[in-house]
Amino acid sequence: AFVASVTPGPNNMMLLASGVNFGYRRTIPHMFGIAGGFFVLLICVGAGLGTLLTTFPAVHTVLKIAGGLYLLYLAWRIATSGALGGSETRRAPMSFMAAAMFQWVNPKAWMMGVSAMAIYTDPAQPFLSVFLVAVAFVLVNFPSVSVWAGFGTALRGFLANDGRRRIFNVAMGVVLALCIVPMVR
Protein backbone atom coordinates (compact mmCIF):
# COMPACT_ATOMS: atom_id res chain seq x y z
CA ALA A 1 0.00 0.00 0.00
CA PHE A 2 2.82 2.39 0.86
CA VAL A 3 4.83 1.77 -2.30
CA ALA A 4 1.75 2.00 -4.49
CA SER A 5 0.61 5.22 -2.81
CA VAL A 6 3.88 7.13 -2.53
CA THR A 7 5.34 6.43 -5.98
CA PRO A 8 4.78 8.91 -8.81
CA GLY A 9 1.52 8.74 -10.69
CA PRO A 10 -1.28 11.04 -11.79
CA ASN A 11 -2.57 11.74 -8.26
CA ASN A 12 0.86 12.57 -6.87
CA MET A 13 1.82 14.78 -9.80
CA MET A 14 -1.42 16.73 -9.40
CA LEU A 15 -0.85 17.04 -5.64
CA LEU A 16 2.67 18.33 -6.18
CA ALA A 17 1.36 20.96 -8.60
CA SER A 18 -1.53 21.81 -6.28
CA GLY A 19 0.82 22.23 -3.32
CA VAL A 20 2.90 24.67 -5.36
CA ASN A 21 -0.02 26.60 -6.79
CA PHE A 22 -2.46 26.61 -3.85
CA GLY A 23 -0.54 25.58 -0.72
CA TYR A 24 -1.01 22.63 1.59
CA ARG A 25 -4.18 23.73 3.37
CA ARG A 26 -6.11 24.40 0.15
CA THR A 27 -4.95 21.01 -1.20
CA ILE A 28 -6.37 19.01 1.75
CA PRO A 29 -9.80 18.40 0.12
CA HIS A 30 -7.95 17.03 -2.92
CA MET A 31 -6.01 14.61 -0.70
CA PHE A 32 -9.15 13.47 1.13
CA GLY A 33 -10.89 13.05 -2.23
CA ILE A 34 -8.15 10.70 -3.42
CA ALA A 35 -8.41 8.62 -0.24
CA GLY A 36 -12.23 8.54 -0.29
CA GLY A 37 -12.52 7.84 -4.00
CA PHE A 38 -9.90 5.13 -3.86
CA PHE A 39 -11.65 3.50 -0.89
CA VAL A 40 -14.90 3.31 -2.87
CA LEU A 41 -13.04 2.04 -5.94
CA LEU A 42 -11.37 -0.70 -3.87
CA ILE A 43 -14.70 -1.80 -2.37
CA CYS A 44 -16.28 -1.93 -5.83
CA VAL A 45 -13.35 -3.84 -7.32
CA GLY A 46 -13.46 -6.25 -4.39
CA ALA A 47 -17.21 -6.68 -4.96
CA GLY A 48 -16.60 -7.82 -8.53
CA LEU A 49 -16.12 -4.74 -10.69
CA GLY A 50 -12.62 -5.94 -11.60
CA THR A 51 -14.16 -9.06 -13.12
CA LEU A 52 -16.37 -6.85 -15.29
CA LEU A 53 -13.28 -5.33 -16.86
CA THR A 54 -11.80 -8.71 -17.74
CA THR A 55 -15.11 -10.12 -18.95
CA PHE A 56 -15.95 -7.10 -21.10
CA PRO A 57 -12.74 -5.68 -22.58
CA ALA A 58 -14.72 -2.87 -24.25
CA VAL A 59 -15.52 -1.41 -20.81
CA HIS A 60 -11.80 -1.43 -20.04
CA THR A 61 -11.07 0.31 -23.35
CA VAL A 62 -13.68 3.00 -22.67
CA LEU A 63 -12.18 3.62 -19.21
CA LYS A 64 -8.70 3.88 -20.72
CA ILE A 65 -9.84 6.39 -23.33
CA ALA A 66 -11.85 8.44 -20.83
CA GLY A 67 -8.97 8.35 -18.36
CA GLY A 68 -6.44 9.37 -21.01
CA LEU A 69 -8.56 12.27 -22.23
CA TYR A 70 -9.20 13.48 -18.70
CA LEU A 71 -5.51 13.23 -17.84
CA LEU A 72 -4.70 15.33 -20.91
CA TYR A 73 -7.29 17.90 -19.87
CA LEU A 74 -5.85 18.08 -16.35
CA ALA A 75 -2.32 18.28 -17.76
CA TRP A 76 -3.39 21.26 -19.88
CA ARG A 77 -4.99 22.96 -16.87
CA ILE A 78 -1.84 22.51 -14.81
CA ALA A 79 0.46 23.61 -17.63
CA THR A 80 -1.54 26.79 -18.18
CA SER A 81 -1.99 27.65 -14.49
CA GLY A 82 -1.30 31.26 -13.57
CA ALA A 83 1.49 32.45 -11.34
CA LEU A 84 1.14 32.99 -7.60
CA GLY A 85 -0.28 36.39 -6.92
CA GLY A 86 -0.26 37.12 -10.64
CA SER A 87 -2.85 39.20 -12.40
CA GLU A 88 -4.23 36.13 -14.13
CA THR A 89 -7.40 34.60 -12.75
CA ARG A 90 -6.36 31.80 -10.43
CA ARG A 91 -8.14 28.53 -10.70
CA ALA A 92 -9.33 26.70 -7.62
CA PRO A 93 -7.62 23.51 -6.43
CA MET A 94 -9.29 20.21 -7.21
CA SER A 95 -12.28 19.60 -4.94
CA PHE A 96 -12.93 16.53 -2.81
CA MET A 97 -15.57 15.23 -5.25
CA ALA A 98 -13.47 15.87 -8.36
CA ALA A 99 -10.50 14.05 -6.82
CA ALA A 100 -12.74 11.17 -5.71
CA MET A 101 -14.28 10.86 -9.16
CA PHE A 102 -10.86 11.05 -10.80
CA GLN A 103 -9.99 7.70 -9.24
CA TRP A 104 -12.47 6.06 -11.62
CA VAL A 105 -10.46 7.14 -14.66
CA ASN A 106 -7.02 6.99 -13.05
CA PRO A 107 -5.14 4.06 -14.60
CA LYS A 108 -2.77 3.71 -11.64
CA ALA A 109 -5.70 3.55 -9.19
CA TRP A 110 -7.30 0.75 -11.21
CA MET A 111 -4.03 -1.16 -11.44
CA MET A 112 -3.46 -0.79 -7.69
CA GLY A 113 -7.06 -1.70 -6.88
CA VAL A 114 -7.27 -4.81 -9.03
CA SER A 115 -3.82 -6.00 -7.91
CA ALA A 116 -4.55 -5.42 -4.21
CA MET A 117 -7.83 -7.27 -4.33
CA ALA A 118 -6.35 -10.17 -6.29
CA ILE A 119 -3.35 -10.55 -3.99
CA TYR A 120 -4.54 -9.66 -0.50
CA THR A 121 -8.16 -10.74 -0.18
CA ASP A 122 -9.15 -14.06 1.34
CA PRO A 123 -11.78 -16.00 -0.64
CA ALA A 124 -12.85 -17.69 2.61
CA GLN A 125 -13.79 -14.28 4.08
CA PRO A 126 -14.39 -12.09 1.03
CA PHE A 127 -16.39 -9.26 2.64
CA LEU A 128 -14.13 -8.80 5.63
CA SER A 129 -10.91 -9.09 3.67
CA VAL A 130 -12.06 -6.64 0.96
CA PHE A 131 -13.00 -4.14 3.66
CA LEU A 132 -9.71 -4.61 5.55
CA VAL A 133 -7.62 -4.21 2.40
CA ALA A 134 -9.53 -1.04 1.50
CA VAL A 135 -9.10 0.40 5.00
CA ALA A 136 -5.39 -0.48 5.04
CA PHE A 137 -4.83 1.25 1.71
CA VAL A 138 -6.68 4.39 2.77
CA LEU A 139 -4.84 4.60 6.09
CA VAL A 140 -1.52 4.38 4.27
CA ASN A 141 -2.61 6.40 1.25
CA PHE A 142 -3.45 9.70 2.90
CA PRO A 143 -0.10 10.27 4.63
CA SER A 144 1.72 9.03 1.53
CA VAL A 145 0.04 11.43 -0.88
CA SER A 146 0.27 14.30 1.59
CA VAL A 147 4.05 14.13 1.21
CA TRP A 148 3.66 15.23 -2.41
CA ALA A 149 1.42 18.18 -1.49
CA GLY A 150 3.88 19.09 1.27
CA PHE A 151 6.80 18.97 -1.12
CA GLY A 152 4.91 21.20 -3.53
CA THR A 153 4.16 23.62 -0.71
CA ALA A 154 7.85 23.68 0.24
CA LEU A 155 8.68 24.71 -3.34
CA ARG A 156 6.31 27.71 -3.26
CA GLY A 157 9.00 30.16 -2.16
CA PHE A 158 11.41 29.10 -4.90
CA LEU A 159 8.63 29.16 -7.47
CA ALA A 160 7.27 32.57 -6.44
CA ASN A 161 9.16 33.89 -9.46
CA ASP A 162 6.67 33.99 -12.38
CA GLY A 163 9.15 32.51 -14.86
CA ARG A 164 10.09 29.59 -12.64
CA ARG A 165 6.43 28.97 -11.80
CA ARG A 166 5.47 28.83 -15.47
CA ILE A 167 8.32 26.42 -16.22
CA PHE A 168 7.28 24.25 -13.27
CA ASN A 169 3.61 24.23 -14.30
CA VAL A 170 4.45 23.33 -17.89
CA ALA A 171 6.83 20.59 -16.68
CA MET A 172 4.14 19.18 -14.35
CA GLY A 173 1.60 19.28 -17.17
CA VAL A 174 3.98 17.37 -19.44
CA VAL A 175 4.78 14.80 -16.73
CA LEU A 176 1.07 14.29 -16.06
CA ALA A 177 0.39 13.90 -19.79
CA LEU A 178 3.19 11.30 -19.97
CA CYS A 179 1.27 9.22 -17.39
CA ILE A 180 -0.91 8.03 -20.26
CA VAL A 181 2.03 6.33 -21.99
CA PRO A 182 1.64 3.06 -20.00
CA MET A 183 -2.07 3.08 -20.90
CA VAL A 184 -1.45 2.90 -24.65
CA ARG A 185 0.96 -0.01 -24.52
C-alpha atoms as a PDB file:
ATOM      1  CA  ALA A   1       0.000   0.000   0.000  1.00  0.00           C
ATOM      2  CA  PHE A   2       2.823   2.386   0.858  1.00  0.00           C
ATOM      3  CA  VAL A   3       4.834   1.773  -2.296  1.00  0.00           C
ATOM      4  CA  ALA A   4       1.746   1.997  -4.489  1.00  0.00           C
ATOM      5  CA  SER A   5       0.613   5.220  -2.807  1.00  0.00           C
ATOM      6  CA  VAL A   6       3.884   7.128  -2.531  1.00  0.00           C
ATOM      7  CA  THR A   7       5.335   6.427  -5.978  1.00  0.00           C
ATOM      8  CA  PRO A   8       4.779   8.914  -8.814  1.00  0.00           C
ATOM      9  CA  GLY A   9       1.518   8.736 -10.686  1.00  0.00           C
ATOM     10  CA  PRO A  10      -1.285  11.041 -11.787  1.00  0.00           C
ATOM     11  CA  ASN A  11      -2.565  11.743  -8.261  1.00  0.00           C
ATOM     12  CA  ASN A  12       0.856  12.566  -6.869  1.00  0.00           C
ATOM     13  CA  MET A  13       1.825  14.781  -9.803  1.00  0.00           C
ATOM     14  CA  MET A  14      -1.418  16.725  -9.402  1.00  0.00           C
ATOM     15  CA  LEU A  15      -0.854  17.043  -5.638  1.00  0.00           C
ATOM     16  CA  LEU A  16       2.670  18.326  -6.184  1.00  0.00           C
ATOM     17  CA  ALA A  17       1.358  20.965  -8.596  1.00  0.00           C
ATOM     18  CA  SER A  18      -1.533  21.814  -6.276  1.00  0.00           C
ATOM     19  CA  GLY A  19       0.818  22.232  -3.322  1.00  0.00           C
ATOM     20  CA  VAL A  20       2.904  24.665  -5.358  1.00  0.00           C
ATOM     21  CA  ASN A  21      -0.025  26.602  -6.787  1.00  0.00           C
ATOM     22  CA  PHE A  22      -2.458  26.609  -3.851  1.00  0.00           C
ATOM     23  CA  GLY A  23      -0.544  25.576  -0.725  1.00  0.00           C
ATOM     24  CA  TYR A  24      -1.009  22.625   1.587  1.00  0.00           C
ATOM     25  CA  ARG A  25      -4.175  23.727   3.370  1.00  0.00           C
ATOM     26  CA  ARG A  26      -6.107  24.401   0.150  1.00  0.00           C
ATOM     27  CA  THR A  27      -4.949  21.007  -1.201  1.00  0.00           C
ATOM     28  CA  ILE A  28      -6.369  19.014   1.748  1.00  0.00           C
ATOM     29  CA  PRO A  29      -9.801  18.402   0.119  1.00  0.00           C
ATOM     30  CA  HIS A  30      -7.954  17.032  -2.920  1.00  0.00           C
ATOM     31  CA  MET A  31      -6.011  14.606  -0.697  1.00  0.00           C
ATOM     32  CA  PHE A  32      -9.153  13.466   1.132  1.00  0.00           C
ATOM     33  CA  GLY A  33     -10.894  13.051  -2.231  1.00  0.00           C
ATOM     34  CA  ILE A  34      -8.153  10.705  -3.419  1.00  0.00           C
ATOM     35  CA  ALA A  35      -8.413   8.622  -0.245  1.00  0.00           C
ATOM     36  CA  GLY A  36     -12.230   8.541  -0.293  1.00  0.00           C
ATOM     37  CA  GLY A  37     -12.524   7.844  -3.998  1.00  0.00           C
ATOM     38  CA  PHE A  38      -9.901   5.130  -3.862  1.00  0.00           C
ATOM     39  CA  PHE A  39     -11.647   3.496  -0.893  1.00  0.00           C
ATOM     40  CA  VAL A  40     -14.902   3.308  -2.875  1.00  0.00           C
ATOM     41  CA  LEU A  41     -13.036   2.037  -5.936  1.00  0.00           C
ATOM     42  CA  LEU A  42     -11.374  -0.701  -3.873  1.00  0.00           C
ATOM     43  CA  ILE A  43     -14.696  -1.796  -2.367  1.00  0.00           C
ATOM     44  CA  CYS A  44     -16.283  -1.927  -5.828  1.00  0.00           C
ATOM     45  CA  VAL A  45     -13.355  -3.841  -7.323  1.00  0.00           C
ATOM     46  CA  GLY A  46     -13.463  -6.250  -4.389  1.00  0.00           C
ATOM     47  CA  ALA A  47     -17.206  -6.681  -4.961  1.00  0.00           C
ATOM     48  CA  GLY A  48     -16.599  -7.815  -8.529  1.00  0.00           C
ATOM     49  CA  LEU A  49     -16.123  -4.742 -10.693  1.00  0.00           C
ATOM     50  CA  GLY A  50     -12.619  -5.936 -11.603  1.00  0.00           C
ATOM     51  CA  THR A  51     -14.159  -9.060 -13.118  1.00  0.00           C
ATOM     52  CA  LEU A  52     -16.372  -6.852 -15.285  1.00  0.00           C
ATOM     53  CA  LEU A  53     -13.283  -5.326 -16.861  1.00  0.00           C
ATOM     54  CA  THR A  54     -11.798  -8.706 -17.740  1.00  0.00           C
ATOM     55  CA  THR A  55     -15.114 -10.120 -18.947  1.00  0.00           C
ATOM     56  CA  PHE A  56     -15.947  -7.098 -21.102  1.00  0.00           C
ATOM     57  CA  PRO A  57     -12.740  -5.676 -22.577  1.00  0.00           C
ATOM     58  CA  ALA A  58     -14.719  -2.866 -24.252  1.00  0.00           C
ATOM     59  CA  VAL A  59     -15.516  -1.408 -20.813  1.00  0.00           C
ATOM     60  CA  HIS A  60     -11.803  -1.431 -20.041  1.00  0.00           C
ATOM     61  CA  THR A  61     -11.071   0.306 -23.347  1.00  0.00           C
ATOM     62  CA  VAL A  62     -13.678   2.997 -22.671  1.00  0.00           C
ATOM     63  CA  LEU A  63     -12.183   3.620 -19.215  1.00  0.00           C
ATOM     64  CA  LYS A  64      -8.703   3.884 -20.719  1.00  0.00           C
ATOM     65  CA  ILE A  65      -9.844   6.393 -23.331  1.00  0.00           C
ATOM     66  CA  ALA A  66     -11.851   8.444 -20.835  1.00  0.00           C
ATOM     67  CA  GLY A  67      -8.966   8.355 -18.363  1.00  0.00           C
ATOM     68  CA  GLY A  68      -6.440   9.374 -21.007  1.00  0.00           C
ATOM     69  CA  LEU A  69      -8.558  12.272 -22.235  1.00  0.00           C
ATOM     70  CA  TYR A  70      -9.198  13.479 -18.703  1.00  0.00           C
ATOM     71  CA  LEU A  71      -5.506  13.234 -17.845  1.00  0.00           C
ATOM     72  CA  LEU A  72      -4.696  15.332 -20.907  1.00  0.00           C
ATOM     73  CA  TYR A  73      -7.291  17.903 -19.867  1.00  0.00           C
ATOM     74  CA  LEU A  74      -5.846  18.085 -16.349  1.00  0.00           C
ATOM     75  CA  ALA A  75      -2.323  18.284 -17.760  1.00  0.00           C
ATOM     76  CA  TRP A  76      -3.389  21.258 -19.877  1.00  0.00           C
ATOM     77  CA  ARG A  77      -4.990  22.960 -16.871  1.00  0.00           C
ATOM     78  CA  ILE A  78      -1.837  22.510 -14.810  1.00  0.00           C
ATOM     79  CA  ALA A  79       0.461  23.609 -17.632  1.00  0.00           C
ATOM     80  CA  THR A  80      -1.543  26.791 -18.181  1.00  0.00           C
ATOM     81  CA  SER A  81      -1.990  27.647 -14.490  1.00  0.00           C
ATOM     82  CA  GLY A  82      -1.304  31.263 -13.571  1.00  0.00           C
ATOM     83  CA  ALA A  83       1.488  32.451 -11.338  1.00  0.00           C
ATOM     84  CA  LEU A  84       1.142  32.992  -7.598  1.00  0.00           C
ATOM     85  CA  GLY A  85      -0.284  36.389  -6.919  1.00  0.00           C
ATOM     86  CA  GLY A  86      -0.257  37.117 -10.640  1.00  0.00           C
ATOM     87  CA  SER A  87      -2.846  39.202 -12.398  1.00  0.00           C
ATOM     88  CA  GLU A  88      -4.230  36.132 -14.134  1.00  0.00           C
ATOM     89  CA  THR A  89      -7.402  34.601 -12.752  1.00  0.00           C
ATOM     90  CA  ARG A  90      -6.356  31.803 -10.429  1.00  0.00           C
ATOM     91  CA  ARG A  91      -8.145  28.533 -10.695  1.00  0.00           C
ATOM     92  CA  ALA A  92      -9.335  26.696  -7.619  1.00  0.00           C
ATOM     93  CA  PRO A  93      -7.620  23.515  -6.427  1.00  0.00           C
ATOM     94  CA  MET A  94      -9.289  20.211  -7.206  1.00  0.00           C
ATOM     95  CA  SER A  95     -12.277  19.597  -4.940  1.00  0.00           C
ATOM     96  CA  PHE A  96     -12.934  16.527  -2.812  1.00  0.00           C
ATOM     97  CA  MET A  97     -15.566  15.228  -5.246  1.00  0.00           C
ATOM     98  CA  ALA A  98     -13.470  15.875  -8.364  1.00  0.00           C
ATOM     99  CA  ALA A  99     -10.501  14.050  -6.825  1.00  0.00           C
ATOM    100  CA  ALA A 100     -12.736  11.169  -5.706  1.00  0.00           C
ATOM    101  CA  MET A 101     -14.283  10.855  -9.157  1.00  0.00           C
ATOM    102  CA  PHE A 102     -10.864  11.053 -10.798  1.00  0.00           C
ATOM    103  CA  GLN A 103      -9.991   7.697  -9.242  1.00  0.00           C
ATOM    104  CA  TRP A 104     -12.472   6.058 -11.621  1.00  0.00           C
ATOM    105  CA  VAL A 105     -10.464   7.140 -14.664  1.00  0.00           C
ATOM    106  CA  ASN A 106      -7.017   6.986 -13.054  1.00  0.00           C
ATOM    107  CA  PRO A 107      -5.136   4.059 -14.599  1.00  0.00           C
ATOM    108  CA  LYS A 108      -2.765   3.713 -11.640  1.00  0.00           C
ATOM    109  CA  ALA A 109      -5.697   3.552  -9.195  1.00  0.00           C
ATOM    110  CA  TRP A 110      -7.296   0.753 -11.208  1.00  0.00           C
ATOM    111  CA  MET A 111      -4.026  -1.160 -11.439  1.00  0.00           C
ATOM    112  CA  MET A 112      -3.462  -0.787  -7.694  1.00  0.00           C
ATOM    113  CA  GLY A 113      -7.060  -1.702  -6.880  1.00  0.00           C
ATOM    114  CA  VAL A 114      -7.272  -4.808  -9.033  1.00  0.00           C
ATOM    115  CA  SER A 115      -3.819  -5.996  -7.905  1.00  0.00           C
ATOM    116  CA  ALA A 116      -4.546  -5.417  -4.208  1.00  0.00           C
ATOM    117  CA  MET A 117      -7.829  -7.270  -4.326  1.00  0.00           C
ATOM    118  CA  ALA A 118      -6.351 -10.169  -6.292  1.00  0.00           C
ATOM    119  CA  ILE A 119      -3.350 -10.548  -3.992  1.00  0.00           C
ATOM    120  CA  TYR A 120      -4.542  -9.663  -0.503  1.00  0.00           C
ATOM    121  CA  THR A 121      -8.155 -10.744  -0.181  1.00  0.00           C
ATOM    122  CA  ASP A 122      -9.151 -14.064   1.338  1.00  0.00           C
ATOM    123  CA  PRO A 123     -11.785 -16.001  -0.637  1.00  0.00           C
ATOM    124  CA  ALA A 124     -12.852 -17.692   2.613  1.00  0.00           C
ATOM    125  CA  GLN A 125     -13.786 -14.276   4.076  1.00  0.00           C
ATOM    126  CA  PRO A 126     -14.394 -12.087   1.029  1.00  0.00           C
ATOM    127  CA  PHE A 127     -16.385  -9.258   2.636  1.00  0.00           C
ATOM    128  CA  LEU A 128     -14.133  -8.798   5.632  1.00  0.00           C
ATOM    129  CA  SER A 129     -10.912  -9.093   3.668  1.00  0.00           C
ATOM    130  CA  VAL A 130     -12.056  -6.641   0.959  1.00  0.00           C
ATOM    131  CA  PHE A 131     -13.003  -4.138   3.656  1.00  0.00           C
ATOM    132  CA  LEU A 132      -9.715  -4.611   5.554  1.00  0.00           C
ATOM    133  CA  VAL A 133      -7.617  -4.211   2.402  1.00  0.00           C
ATOM    134  CA  ALA A 134      -9.532  -1.042   1.500  1.00  0.00           C
ATOM    135  CA  VAL A 135      -9.098   0.400   4.999  1.00  0.00           C
ATOM    136  CA  ALA A 136      -5.387  -0.476   5.045  1.00  0.00           C
ATOM    137  CA  PHE A 137      -4.831   1.248   1.712  1.00  0.00           C
ATOM    138  CA  VAL A 138      -6.680   4.392   2.772  1.00  0.00           C
ATOM    139  CA  LEU A 139      -4.835   4.601   6.094  1.00  0.00           C
ATOM    140  CA  VAL A 140      -1.517   4.378   4.268  1.00  0.00           C
ATOM    141  CA  ASN A 141      -2.611   6.398   1.248  1.00  0.00           C
ATOM    142  CA  PHE A 142      -3.453   9.698   2.897  1.00  0.00           C
ATOM    143  CA  PRO A 143      -0.100  10.268   4.632  1.00  0.00           C
ATOM    144  CA  SER A 144       1.724   9.031   1.533  1.00  0.00           C
ATOM    145  CA  VAL A 145       0.044  11.427  -0.878  1.00  0.00           C
ATOM    146  CA  SER A 146       0.270  14.303   1.589  1.00  0.00           C
ATOM    147  CA  VAL A 147       4.055  14.128   1.214  1.00  0.00           C
ATOM    148  CA  TRP A 148       3.657  15.228  -2.409  1.00  0.00           C
ATOM    149  CA  ALA A 149       1.422  18.176  -1.488  1.00  0.00           C
ATOM    150  CA  GLY A 150       3.878  19.088   1.268  1.00  0.00           C
ATOM    151  CA  PHE A 151       6.803  18.971  -1.119  1.00  0.00           C
ATOM    152  CA  GLY A 152       4.914  21.204  -3.529  1.00  0.00           C
ATOM    153  CA  THR A 153       4.159  23.619  -0.709  1.00  0.00           C
ATOM    154  CA  ALA A 154       7.851  23.685   0.240  1.00  0.00           C
ATOM    155  CA  LEU A 155       8.682  24.709  -3.336  1.00  0.00           C
ATOM    156  CA  ARG A 156       6.311  27.710  -3.256  1.00  0.00           C
ATOM    157  CA  GLY A 157       8.996  30.159  -2.164  1.00  0.00           C
ATOM    158  CA  PHE A 158      11.407  29.102  -4.901  1.00  0.00           C
ATOM    159  CA  LEU A 159       8.627  29.159  -7.466  1.00  0.00           C
ATOM    160  CA  ALA A 160       7.266  32.567  -6.444  1.00  0.00           C
ATOM    161  CA  ASN A 161       9.157  33.892  -9.465  1.00  0.00           C
ATOM    162  CA  ASP A 162       6.673  33.991 -12.385  1.00  0.00           C
ATOM    163  CA  GLY A 163       9.150  32.513 -14.864  1.00  0.00           C
ATOM    164  CA  ARG A 164      10.094  29.589 -12.638  1.00  0.00           C
ATOM    165  CA  ARG A 165       6.432  28.973 -11.800  1.00  0.00           C
ATOM    166  CA  ARG A 166       5.468  28.832 -15.472  1.00  0.00           C
ATOM    167  CA  ILE A 167       8.323  26.417 -16.220  1.00  0.00           C
ATOM    168  CA  PHE A 168       7.285  24.249 -13.271  1.00  0.00           C
ATOM    169  CA  ASN A 169       3.614  24.230 -14.299  1.00  0.00           C
ATOM    170  CA  VAL A 170       4.454  23.327 -17.895  1.00  0.00           C
ATOM    171  CA  ALA A 171       6.826  20.586 -16.682  1.00  0.00           C
ATOM    172  CA  MET A 172       4.144  19.177 -14.349  1.00  0.00           C
ATOM    173  CA  GLY A 173       1.604  19.280 -17.167  1.00  0.00           C
ATOM    174  CA  VAL A 174       3.985  17.370 -19.443  1.00  0.00           C
ATOM    175  CA  VAL A 175       4.785  14.803 -16.726  1.00  0.00           C
ATOM    176  CA  LEU A 176       1.071  14.289 -16.061  1.00  0.00           C
ATOM    177  CA  ALA A 177       0.394  13.896 -19.792  1.00  0.00           C
ATOM    178  CA  LEU A 178       3.190  11.301 -19.973  1.00  0.00           C
ATOM    179  CA  CYS A 179       1.273   9.220 -17.391  1.00  0.00           C
ATOM    180  CA  ILE A 180      -0.912   8.029 -20.264  1.00  0.00           C
ATOM    181  CA  VAL A 181       2.028   6.325 -21.990  1.00  0.00           C
ATOM    182  CA  PRO A 182       1.644   3.060 -19.999  1.00  0.00           C
ATOM    183  CA  MET A 183      -2.068   3.076 -20.903  1.00  0.00           C
ATOM    184  CA  VAL A 184      -1.447   2.897 -24.649  1.00  0.00           C
ATOM    185  CA  ARG A 185       0.964  -0.011 -24.522  1.00  0.00           C
END
